[in-house]
Protein backbone atom coordinates (compact mmCIF):
# COMPACT_ATOMS: atom_id res chain seq x y z
CA MET A 1 146.04 86.93 100.93
CA ALA A 2 147.08 83.79 98.88
CA GLY A 3 145.51 83.39 95.69
CA ARG A 4 144.43 86.85 95.20
CA ARG A 5 145.75 88.83 91.84
CA PRO A 6 147.88 91.58 92.59
CA GLY A 7 146.04 95.14 92.26
CA ALA A 8 142.89 92.99 92.55
CA HIS A 9 140.51 94.78 94.84
CA PRO A 10 138.80 93.53 98.01
CA PRO A 11 135.66 91.84 98.07
CA VAL A 12 132.57 94.19 98.47
CA ARG A 13 130.24 93.48 101.07
CA PRO A 14 126.57 93.88 100.21
CA ALA A 15 124.77 96.38 102.16
CA PRO A 16 122.33 95.21 104.74
CA ALA A 17 118.71 94.66 103.71
CA PRO A 18 116.12 97.15 105.33
CA PRO A 19 114.53 96.02 108.38
CA VAL A 20 111.04 95.94 106.54
CA LEU A 21 112.42 93.77 103.69
CA THR A 22 113.76 91.23 106.20
CA ALA A 23 110.54 91.39 108.06
CA TYR A 24 108.98 90.38 104.63
CA CYS A 25 111.30 87.32 103.93
CA GLN A 26 110.71 86.28 107.12
CA ALA A 27 106.75 86.59 106.97
CA TYR A 28 107.21 84.72 103.52
CA ALA A 29 109.15 81.66 104.93
CA LEU A 30 106.37 81.40 107.88
CA HIS A 31 103.70 81.18 105.03
CA GLU A 32 105.40 78.75 103.00
CA ASP A 33 106.25 76.74 106.28
CA ALA A 34 102.35 77.16 107.55
CA ILE A 35 101.17 76.02 103.92
CA ALA A 36 103.55 72.98 104.19
CA ALA A 37 102.38 71.84 107.46
CA ILE A 38 98.59 72.14 106.75
CA ARG A 39 99.45 69.71 103.37
CA ARG A 40 101.08 67.26 105.21
CA ASP A 41 98.92 67.35 108.24
CA GLY A 42 95.69 68.70 107.16
CA PRO A 43 93.85 71.64 108.47
CA VAL A 44 91.86 70.13 111.16
CA ARG A 45 93.83 68.29 114.11
CA ALA A 46 92.35 64.79 115.19
CA ASP A 47 90.54 66.30 118.12
CA GLY A 48 88.39 68.18 115.72
CA ARG A 49 90.09 71.80 116.48
CA ALA A 50 91.44 73.91 113.93
CA SER A 51 95.42 73.77 113.33
CA ALA A 52 97.47 76.13 114.59
CA TRP A 53 99.01 76.69 111.56
CA LEU A 54 95.87 78.07 110.35
CA THR A 55 96.62 80.95 112.50
CA VAL A 56 100.26 81.25 111.67
CA LEU A 57 99.08 81.36 107.56
CA GLU A 58 96.73 84.25 108.43
CA LYS A 59 99.26 86.40 110.21
CA SER A 60 101.91 85.81 108.07
CA GLN A 61 99.61 86.92 104.98
CA ARG A 62 98.67 89.84 106.93
CA ALA A 63 102.48 90.57 107.59
CA MET A 64 103.23 90.44 103.88
CA VAL A 65 100.29 92.56 102.82
CA ALA A 66 101.12 95.28 105.28
CA MET A 67 105.03 95.08 104.37
CA SER A 68 104.15 95.02 100.46
CA MET A 69 102.36 98.32 100.84
CA ARG A 70 105.51 99.78 102.62
CA LEU A 71 107.88 98.28 99.96
CA ARG A 72 105.43 99.35 97.25
CA LEU A 73 105.18 96.35 95.76
CA SER A 74 101.55 96.68 94.85
CA PRO A 75 100.09 99.14 92.12
CA GLN A 76 97.91 101.01 94.99
CA ALA A 77 101.47 101.74 96.91
CA ARG A 78 103.04 102.76 93.79
CA ARG A 79 100.45 105.48 92.91
CA GLU A 80 101.15 108.62 93.63
CA ARG A 81 99.75 110.60 96.69
CA ALA A 82 97.19 113.31 95.94
CA VAL A 83 98.82 116.59 97.68
CA ALA A 84 96.48 119.09 98.89
CA PRO A 85 97.12 122.23 97.21
CA LYS A 86 99.26 124.69 99.88
CA ARG A 87 96.59 127.31 101.12
CA LEU A 88 97.77 130.87 99.66
CA ASP A 89 98.22 133.69 102.72
CA TRP A 90 96.42 136.95 102.54
CA MET A 91 99.12 138.85 100.71
CA ALA A 92 99.26 136.15 97.96
CA ARG A 93 95.36 136.65 97.19
CA ARG A 94 95.61 140.24 97.24
CA LEU A 95 98.40 140.08 94.52
CA LEU A 96 96.40 137.81 92.42
CA GLN A 97 93.49 139.90 92.66
CA GLN A 98 95.51 142.89 91.63
CA GLU A 99 96.61 140.94 88.75
CA ALA A 100 92.94 139.85 87.85
CA GLU A 101 91.78 143.76 87.70
CA HIS A 102 94.60 144.53 85.85
CA GLU A 103 93.93 142.17 83.05
CA SER A 104 89.91 142.98 83.07
CA GLU A 105 90.80 146.71 82.46
């Protein structure tokens, strides 16, 4: 503990990232690798077939889109969900009916 000031607090370790955030970052890294490989080698191999990196690119994009919704990164994911009104039971309906009858009198 040499070099620490007396009374200094021990270093705080950051909390681990949620698994979905970790997966999003991994998908992003794969996406960047795929783009670099396609730029370097081209989208078509020498034998005329599509590069395998195109598949990696597509799958990583799909994964990022799916996880961005779960992480609420898009405007659609941040929109509040509409909640259906709770159905009234017979007693609540009866009380509302009685209140309406008393108000109309």
